[in-house]
Amino acid sequence: MSGAQPAAMIGQTVDVPRNGAFDEARLAAYLTGRIQGLSGEIGVQKFEGGQSNPTFLLSTPDARYVLRRKPAGVLLKSAHAVDREYRVTRALYEAGLPVPEALVLCEDDDVIGTAFYVMRHVPGRSFWDPRMPGVSPQDRAAIYDSANETLARLHLVDHEAIGLGDFGRGGNYFLRQISRWSRQYEASRTQDIPEMDRLIEWLPNAVPASTDRTTIIHGDYSFHNLLIHPTEPRVAAVIDWELSTLGDPLGDLTYHMMEWFRPAGVDVRGTLKDADLTALGIPTPSQYAQRYRERTGFDCDPTHPFYTAFNLFRVAAILQGIAGRARDGVQTAANASDIITRIQPLAKAAWDCAREAGAE
């Protein structure tokens, strides 16, 4: 999950801070000849926000590219796997999905200090606020429908056919996710939060019965990771595939639908809870879920309160990882301290949802 500023739109760039700088001439020498058509001096700026893999805009006289690298320092096992991002993005691009074209993967730390990959830049708008201020109701409706259609397309991709049969494990997706984020929470623990301890105990025994399908899932499918075409109300590209894997598509759908269910005050992204959806041109949760079911043929109920509890818990655990990195001096953005203050409110909100789902 990217940690970004609470703005209507994100994606602004800033000069590269001294603690994130690398040898730009060495990078240019490495990329020349590996990216067809790349020539001339490369200008480098850093995208604001982002708590996971630092992301940079590369500008040449003729084109723009995006570089994502591992952060420096000691990292949690399995985190920041830019090679996985490169692999899934490349496969999905070749399969015709709206993702940036992945161009080069470099696993040689000697080039810029950590592994990285470069993709082609896709111009677009990226919204942090799901109410999308400044957008007309008609365009808002079209953007939401495009997001729904794009997610359905992703979940219908034959992962075996595009070479991603080993991209993750099938079966027991929610149990595996609960285990993963519980471990990462414990590894990054900086304070005792009773609600997190209760959730870690309750969640594994509360997973609703499902068909447990296995598809490619993005893992952080939220509007801040969707580039909307600069002038048209449609998804131009899905970005930030760090958390992608094989799993139950309900993992993606229910996380995405947190836009409707997220309690106010627990996330800088805001919420659609209590919003006038008709005036905004935004579908209701049931309408959105129905459109997804029609497109995929999947029988599922993403509105069960377990999923809200699980997703709030997951976000809290991800943010706890940021707290751990800040504690260890591996901080990748200036607003980490603000994000850390949200962990406890998220945990409390998750436990409230758990109680709604029957937890005691």
Protein backbone atom coordinates (compact mmCIF):
# COMPACT_ATOMS: atom_id res chain seq x y z
CA MET A 1 0.00 0.00 0.00
CA SER A 2 1.33 3.41 -0.88
CA GLY A 3 1.32 6.09 1.76
CA ALA A 4 0.52 9.39 0.10
CA GLN A 5 -0.67 12.88 0.84
CA PRO A 6 -4.41 13.58 1.37
CA ALA A 7 -5.04 15.34 -1.92
CA ALA A 8 -7.70 15.03 -4.59
CA MET A 9 -5.09 13.88 -7.04
CA ILE A 10 -1.61 12.47 -6.50
CA GLY A 11 1.42 11.84 -8.67
CA GLN A 12 3.38 15.06 -8.21
CA THR A 13 7.17 14.85 -8.36
CA VAL A 14 9.87 16.55 -6.32
CA ASP A 15 13.64 16.79 -6.52
CA VAL A 16 15.34 13.60 -5.35
CA PRO A 17 16.23 13.98 -1.65
CA ARG A 18 19.88 13.55 -0.74
CA ASN A 19 19.21 10.33 1.18
CA GLY A 20 17.51 8.80 -1.88
CA ALA A 21 19.93 9.93 -4.57
CA PHE A 22 21.88 7.60 -6.84
CA ASP A 23 24.41 7.90 -9.65
CA GLU A 24 22.26 9.15 -12.54
CA ALA A 25 25.08 8.95 -15.07
CA ARG A 26 25.66 5.29 -14.18
CA LEU A 27 21.94 4.62 -14.55
CA ALA A 28 21.90 6.29 -17.98
CA ALA A 29 24.89 4.23 -19.11
CA TYR A 30 23.15 1.03 -17.95
CA LEU A 31 19.82 1.80 -19.67
CA THR A 32 21.31 3.00 -22.96
CA GLY A 33 21.14 0.07 -25.34
CA ARG A 34 18.78 -1.85 -23.07
CA ILE A 35 15.78 0.39 -23.77
CA GLN A 36 15.22 0.85 -27.47
CA GLY A 37 15.20 4.52 -28.46
CA LEU A 38 16.51 5.83 -25.14
CA SER A 39 19.18 8.45 -25.66
CA GLY A 40 20.41 11.71 -24.23
CA GLU A 41 20.68 12.95 -20.69
CA ILE A 42 18.24 11.55 -18.13
CA GLY A 43 16.54 13.89 -15.66
CA VAL A 44 15.40 12.24 -12.42
CA GLN A 45 12.64 13.31 -10.03
CA LYS A 46 10.96 11.39 -7.21
CA PHE A 47 7.23 10.83 -6.99
CA GLU A 48 5.83 12.18 -3.72
CA GLY A 49 4.33 9.76 -1.22
CA GLY A 50 4.98 6.03 -1.40
CA GLN A 51 6.02 4.03 1.62
CA SER A 52 7.02 0.83 -0.14
CA ASN A 53 9.18 0.94 -3.26
CA PRO A 54 10.54 4.43 -4.01
CA THR A 55 9.40 5.54 -7.46
CA PHE A 56 11.11 7.99 -9.82
CA LEU A 57 10.24 9.78 -13.04
CA LEU A 58 12.97 9.54 -15.68
CA SER A 59 12.82 12.18 -18.42
CA THR A 60 14.84 12.19 -21.64
CA PRO A 61 14.54 14.64 -24.56
CA ASP A 62 12.19 12.22 -26.34
CA ALA A 63 10.39 10.10 -23.74
CA ARG A 64 9.45 9.53 -20.10
CA TYR A 65 9.91 6.41 -18.01
CA VAL A 66 9.23 5.33 -14.43
CA LEU A 67 11.78 3.56 -12.22
CA ARG A 68 10.82 1.58 -9.12
CA ARG A 69 13.55 0.39 -6.78
CA LYS A 70 13.87 -1.45 -3.52
CA PRO A 71 14.50 0.88 -0.59
CA ALA A 72 17.92 0.73 1.02
CA GLY A 73 18.50 -0.94 4.37
CA VAL A 74 17.37 -4.12 6.09
CA LEU A 75 14.01 -5.27 4.72
CA LEU A 76 11.36 -7.72 5.85
CA LYS A 77 11.53 -11.06 4.07
CA SER A 78 9.40 -11.19 0.87
CA ALA A 79 8.82 -7.42 0.91
CA HIS A 80 9.74 -5.01 -1.91
CA ALA A 81 10.12 -7.75 -4.55
CA VAL A 82 10.57 -5.56 -7.62
CA ASP A 83 11.33 -8.65 -9.69
CA ARG A 84 7.78 -9.89 -9.05
CA GLU A 85 6.34 -6.50 -9.99
CA TYR A 86 8.31 -6.56 -13.23
CA ARG A 87 7.24 -10.10 -14.04
CA VAL A 88 3.50 -9.67 -13.47
CA THR A 89 3.37 -6.27 -15.18
CA ARG A 90 5.19 -7.56 -18.25
CA ALA A 91 2.92 -10.63 -18.52
CA LEU A 92 -0.28 -8.62 -18.13
CA TYR A 93 0.85 -5.97 -20.62
CA GLU A 94 1.48 -8.69 -23.20
CA ALA A 95 -1.97 -10.12 -22.40
CA GLY A 96 -3.58 -6.78 -23.26
CA LEU A 97 -4.40 -5.50 -19.77
CA PRO A 98 -4.09 -1.75 -19.06
CA VAL A 99 -0.73 -1.76 -17.26
CA PRO A 100 2.51 0.12 -17.99
CA GLU A 101 4.93 -1.62 -20.35
CA ALA A 102 7.77 -3.11 -18.28
CA LEU A 103 11.08 -2.58 -20.10
CA VAL A 104 14.12 -3.51 -17.98
CA LEU A 105 14.75 -5.38 -14.72
CA CYS A 106 18.11 -4.84 -13.01
CA GLU A 107 19.00 -7.05 -10.05
CA ASP A 108 22.60 -5.79 -9.86
CA ASP A 109 22.87 -3.66 -6.72
CA ASP A 110 26.02 -2.00 -8.07
CA VAL A 111 24.12 0.13 -10.60
CA ILE A 112 22.07 2.35 -8.24
CA GLY A 113 22.47 0.58 -4.90
CA THR A 114 19.40 -1.69 -4.98
CA ALA A 115 17.46 -3.77 -7.51
CA PHE A 116 15.06 -1.82 -9.75
CA TYR A 117 12.97 -1.97 -12.88
CA VAL A 118 11.97 0.58 -15.49
CA MET A 119 8.62 0.86 -17.26
CA ARG A 120 7.18 3.24 -19.79
CA HIS A 121 5.45 6.28 -18.30
CA VAL A 122 1.66 6.39 -18.69
CA PRO A 123 0.13 9.87 -18.37
CA GLY A 124 -2.98 10.01 -16.26
CA ARG A 125 -4.89 11.27 -13.23
CA SER A 126 -4.65 9.41 -9.92
CA PHE A 127 -7.32 10.13 -7.32
CA TRP A 128 -6.82 9.79 -3.59
CA ASP A 129 -10.34 10.87 -2.61
CA PRO A 130 -13.01 8.40 -3.87
CA ARG A 131 -15.46 11.30 -4.21
CA MET A 132 -13.19 12.69 -6.94
CA PRO A 133 -13.74 16.43 -6.45
CA GLY A 134 -13.95 18.42 -9.65
CA VAL A 135 -15.20 15.48 -11.74
CA SER A 136 -18.73 15.55 -13.19
CA PRO A 137 -21.25 12.92 -11.99
CA GLN A 138 -21.36 11.44 -15.50
CA ASP A 139 -17.58 11.07 -15.67
CA ARG A 140 -17.44 9.80 -12.11
CA ALA A 141 -19.95 7.07 -12.99
CA ALA A 142 -17.89 6.12 -16.06
CA ILE A 143 -14.63 6.01 -14.07
CA TYR A 144 -16.18 3.71 -11.46
CA ASP A 145 -17.58 1.46 -14.17
CA SER A 146 -14.17 1.34 -15.88
CA ALA A 147 -12.51 0.43 -12.57
CA ASN A 148 -15.06 -2.36 -12.12
CA GLU A 149 -14.56 -3.63 -15.68
CA THR A 150 -10.75 -3.52 -15.35
CA LEU A 151 -10.81 -5.53 -12.11
CA ALA A 152 -13.15 -8.09 -13.68
CA ARG A 153 -10.83 -8.41 -16.70
CA LEU A 154 -7.86 -8.98 -14.42
CA HIS A 155 -9.67 -11.73 -12.51
CA LEU A 156 -10.65 -13.49 -15.73
CA VAL A 157 -7.06 -13.73 -17.02
CA ASP A 158 -5.83 -17.32 -17.35
CA HIS A 159 -2.70 -17.04 -15.19
CA GLU A 160 -1.44 -20.43 -16.32
CA ALA A 161 -1.66 -19.42 -19.99
CA ILE A 162 0.43 -16.26 -19.50
CA GLY A 163 3.19 -17.98 -17.54
CA LEU A 164 2.13 -17.02 -14.03
CA GLY A 165 1.03 -20.41 -12.79
CA ASP A 166 3.72 -20.31 -10.10
CA PHE A 167 3.16 -16.66 -9.11
CA GLY A 168 1.54 -17.65 -5.82
CA ARG A 169 -0.17 -20.49 -4.03
CA GLY A 170 -3.77 -21.47 -4.61
CA GLY A 171 -6.31 -22.15 -1.89
CA ASN A 172 -6.89 -20.78 1.63
CA TYR A 173 -6.19 -17.23 0.48
CA PHE A 174 -7.66 -15.37 3.44
CA LEU A 175 -6.07 -17.74 5.95
CA ARG A 176 -2.69 -17.23 4.30
CA GLN A 177 -3.16 -13.47 4.24
CA ILE A 178 -4.15 -13.36 7.89
CA SER A 179 -1.07 -15.41 8.76
CA ARG A 180 1.22 -13.23 6.62
CA TRP A 181 0.08 -9.90 7.99
CA SER A 182 -0.04 -11.20 11.55
CA ARG A 183 3.62 -12.22 11.22
CA GLN A 184 4.63 -8.94 9.64
CA TYR A 185 2.73 -7.01 12.31
CA GLU A 186 4.59 -8.90 15.03
CA ALA A 187 7.93 -8.40 13.29
CA SER A 188 7.31 -4.65 13.12
CA ARG A 189 5.54 -4.20 16.47
CA THR A 190 6.36 -0.87 18.11
CA GLN A 191 3.52 -0.71 20.64
CA ASP A 192 0.85 -2.97 22.13
CA ILE A 193 -2.58 -2.60 20.49
CA PRO A 194 -5.10 -4.95 22.18
CA GLU A 195 -7.49 -4.84 19.19
CA MET A 196 -4.76 -6.15 16.87
CA ASP A 197 -4.09 -9.04 19.24
CA ARG A 198 -7.83 -9.86 19.35
CA LEU A 199 -8.07 -9.70 15.55
CA ILE A 200 -5.06 -11.99 15.12
CA GLU A 201 -6.86 -14.54 17.29
CA TRP A 202 -10.36 -14.11 15.82
CA LEU A 203 -9.84 -13.72 12.07
CA PRO A 204 -8.54 -17.24 11.19
CA ASN A 205 -11.72 -18.86 12.54
CA ALA A 206 -14.13 -16.37 11.02
CA VAL A 207 -13.46 -16.64 7.26
CA PRO A 208 -16.82 -17.01 5.43
CA ALA A 209 -17.31 -20.14 3.36
CA SER A 210 -16.54 -19.50 -0.31
CA THR A 211 -15.54 -21.27 -3.49
CA ASP A 212 -11.97 -19.98 -2.93
CA ARG A 213 -11.22 -19.29 -6.59
CA THR A 214 -7.65 -18.58 -7.60
CA THR A 215 -6.87 -15.71 -9.95
CA ILE A 216 -4.21 -13.04 -10.34
CA ILE A 217 -4.95 -10.36 -7.77
CA HIS A 218 -3.43 -6.89 -7.53
CA GLY A 219 -3.39 -6.68 -3.73
CA ASP A 220 -3.80 -2.88 -3.50
CA TYR A 221 -6.55 -2.16 -6.02
CA SER A 222 -7.59 1.33 -4.96
CA PHE A 223 -8.19 4.52 -6.93
CA HIS A 224 -4.78 5.92 -5.99
CA ASN A 225 -3.27 3.00 -7.96
CA LEU A 226 -5.45 3.56 -11.03
CA LEU A 227 -4.24 6.04 -13.62
CA ILE A 228 -7.30 7.58 -15.22
CA HIS A 229 -6.85 8.81 -18.80
CA PRO A 230 -5.98 12.54 -18.85
CA THR A 231 -9.13 13.52 -20.74
CA GLU A 232 -11.37 10.43 -20.84
CA PRO A 233 -13.25 8.79 -17.92
CA ARG A 234 -11.53 5.40 -18.14
CA VAL A 235 -8.65 3.49 -16.59
CA ALA A 236 -5.45 4.00 -18.60
CA ALA A 237 -3.22 1.85 -16.38
CA VAL A 238 -3.15 -0.03 -13.09
CA ILE A 239 0.10 0.66 -11.21
CA ASP A 240 1.96 -0.49 -8.08
CA TRP A 241 1.89 -4.29 -8.29
CA GLU A 242 4.06 -4.89 -5.22
CA LEU A 243 1.39 -6.89 -3.37
CA SER A 244 0.19 -8.89 -6.39
CA THR A 245 -0.06 -12.66 -6.14
CA LEU A 246 -2.40 -15.55 -6.92
CA GLY A 247 -5.39 -15.61 -4.62
CA ASP A 248 -9.12 -15.29 -4.12
CA PRO A 249 -10.47 -12.43 -6.28
CA LEU A 250 -12.66 -11.49 -3.31
CA GLY A 251 -9.44 -10.24 -1.72
CA ASP A 252 -9.15 -7.57 -4.42
CA LEU A 253 -12.86 -6.80 -4.69
CA THR A 254 -13.49 -6.39 -0.96
CA TYR A 255 -10.37 -4.25 -0.49
CA HIS A 256 -11.40 -2.06 -3.42
CA MET A 257 -14.91 -1.75 -1.99
CA MET A 258 -13.54 -0.37 1.27
CA GLU A 259 -14.16 2.98 -0.45
CA TRP A 260 -17.82 2.52 0.60
CA PHE A 261 -17.32 0.84 3.99
CA ARG A 262 -14.23 2.52 5.46
CA PRO A 263 -15.12 4.41 8.67
CA ALA A 264 -14.43 8.14 8.60
CA GLY A 265 -11.19 9.30 10.14
CA VAL A 266 -9.10 6.13 9.83
CA ASP A 267 -7.54 6.67 6.42
CA VAL A 268 -6.31 9.73 4.52
CA ARG A 269 -8.20 8.44 1.49
CA GLY A 270 -11.49 9.38 3.06
CA THR A 271 -14.66 7.36 2.51
CA LEU A 272 -17.96 7.18 0.66
CA LYS A 273 -19.71 6.24 3.90
CA ASP A 274 -22.75 8.52 4.36
CA ALA A 275 -22.07 10.24 0.99
CA ASP A 276 -24.93 11.15 -1.38
CA LEU A 277 -23.99 8.55 -3.98
CA THR A 278 -26.81 9.47 -6.37
CA ALA A 279 -25.70 13.10 -6.54
CA LEU A 280 -22.09 12.01 -7.01
CA GLY A 281 -22.97 9.57 -9.81
CA ILE A 282 -21.40 6.69 -7.86
CA PRO A 283 -23.12 3.27 -7.66
CA THR A 284 -24.17 1.74 -4.35
CA PRO A 285 -22.09 -1.16 -3.00
CA SER A 286 -24.78 -3.65 -4.06
CA GLN A 287 -24.94 -2.18 -7.57
CA TYR A 288 -21.16 -2.24 -7.90
CA ALA A 289 -20.96 -5.84 -6.66
CA GLN A 290 -23.74 -6.89 -9.02
CA ARG A 291 -21.95 -5.38 -12.02
CA TYR A 292 -18.79 -7.28 -11.06
CA ARG A 293 -20.77 -10.53 -10.72
CA GLU A 294 -22.32 -9.99 -14.15
CA ARG A 295 -18.90 -9.45 -15.73
CA THR A 296 -17.16 -12.39 -14.04
CA GLY A 297 -19.93 -14.87 -13.39
CA PHE A 298 -18.61 -15.23 -9.83
CA ASP A 299 -21.12 -15.80 -7.03
CA CYS A 300 -19.84 -13.74 -4.09
CA ASP A 301 -20.94 -11.33 -1.35
CA PRO A 302 -18.28 -8.66 -0.81
CA THR A 303 -20.47 -6.78 1.71
CA HIS A 304 -20.03 -9.28 4.62
CA PRO A 305 -18.57 -7.42 7.66
CA PHE A 306 -15.76 -9.98 7.98
CA TYR A 307 -14.16 -8.52 4.86
CA THR A 308 -14.25 -4.99 6.26
CA ALA A 309 -12.62 -6.22 9.48
CA PHE A 310 -10.00 -8.17 7.53
CA ASN A 311 -9.12 -5.31 5.21
CA LEU A 312 -8.86 -2.73 8.01
CA PHE A 313 -6.63 -5.18 9.89
CA ARG A 314 -4.50 -5.70 6.79
CA VAL A 315 -4.02 -1.96 6.26
CA ALA A 316 -3.13 -1.54 9.95
CA ALA A 317 -0.51 -4.29 9.62
CA ILE A 318 0.93 -2.69 6.47
CA LEU A 319 1.18 0.67 8.23
CA GLN A 320 2.82 -1.07 11.19
CA GLY A 321 5.50 -2.15 8.72
CA ILE A 322 6.07 1.54 7.98
CA ALA A 323 6.39 2.16 11.72
CA GLY A 324 8.96 -0.62 11.93
CA ARG A 325 10.96 0.78 9.04
CA ALA A 326 10.90 4.25 10.59
CA ARG A 327 12.11 2.75 13.88
CA ASP A 328 14.92 0.97 12.06
CA GLY A 329 15.90 4.02 10.03
CA VAL A 330 14.54 2.64 6.74
CA GLN A 331 11.98 5.40 6.20
CA THR A 332 11.03 6.12 2.59
CA ALA A 333 8.81 9.20 2.89
CA ALA A 334 8.58 12.33 4.99
CA ASN A 335 5.00 11.68 6.19
CA ALA A 336 5.66 8.32 7.85
CA SER A 337 5.06 9.72 11.34
CA ASP A 338 1.58 10.94 10.34
CA ILE A 339 0.69 7.55 8.84
CA ILE A 340 1.84 5.73 11.97
CA THR A 341 -0.76 7.57 14.08
CA ARG A 342 -3.50 5.84 12.06
CA ILE A 343 -2.61 2.29 13.11
CA GLN A 344 -4.51 2.26 16.40
CA PRO A 345 -7.72 3.86 14.99
CA LEU A 346 -7.67 1.34 12.13
CA ALA A 347 -7.31 -1.53 14.58
CA LYS A 348 -10.22 -0.26 16.68
CA ALA A 349 -12.41 0.18 13.60
CA ALA A 350 -11.49 -3.35 12.45
CA TRP A 351 -12.46 -4.79 15.82
CA ASP A 352 -15.81 -2.95 15.70
CA CYS A 353 -16.48 -4.63 12.33
CA ALA A 354 -15.39 -7.97 13.75
CA ARG A 355 -17.92 -7.59 16.54
CA GLU A 356 -20.57 -6.83 13.90
CA ALA A 357 -19.57 -10.12 12.27
CA GLY A 358 -20.01 -11.99 15.57
CA ALA A 359 -16.73 -11.61 17.43
CA GLU A 360 -16.93 -11.39 21.22
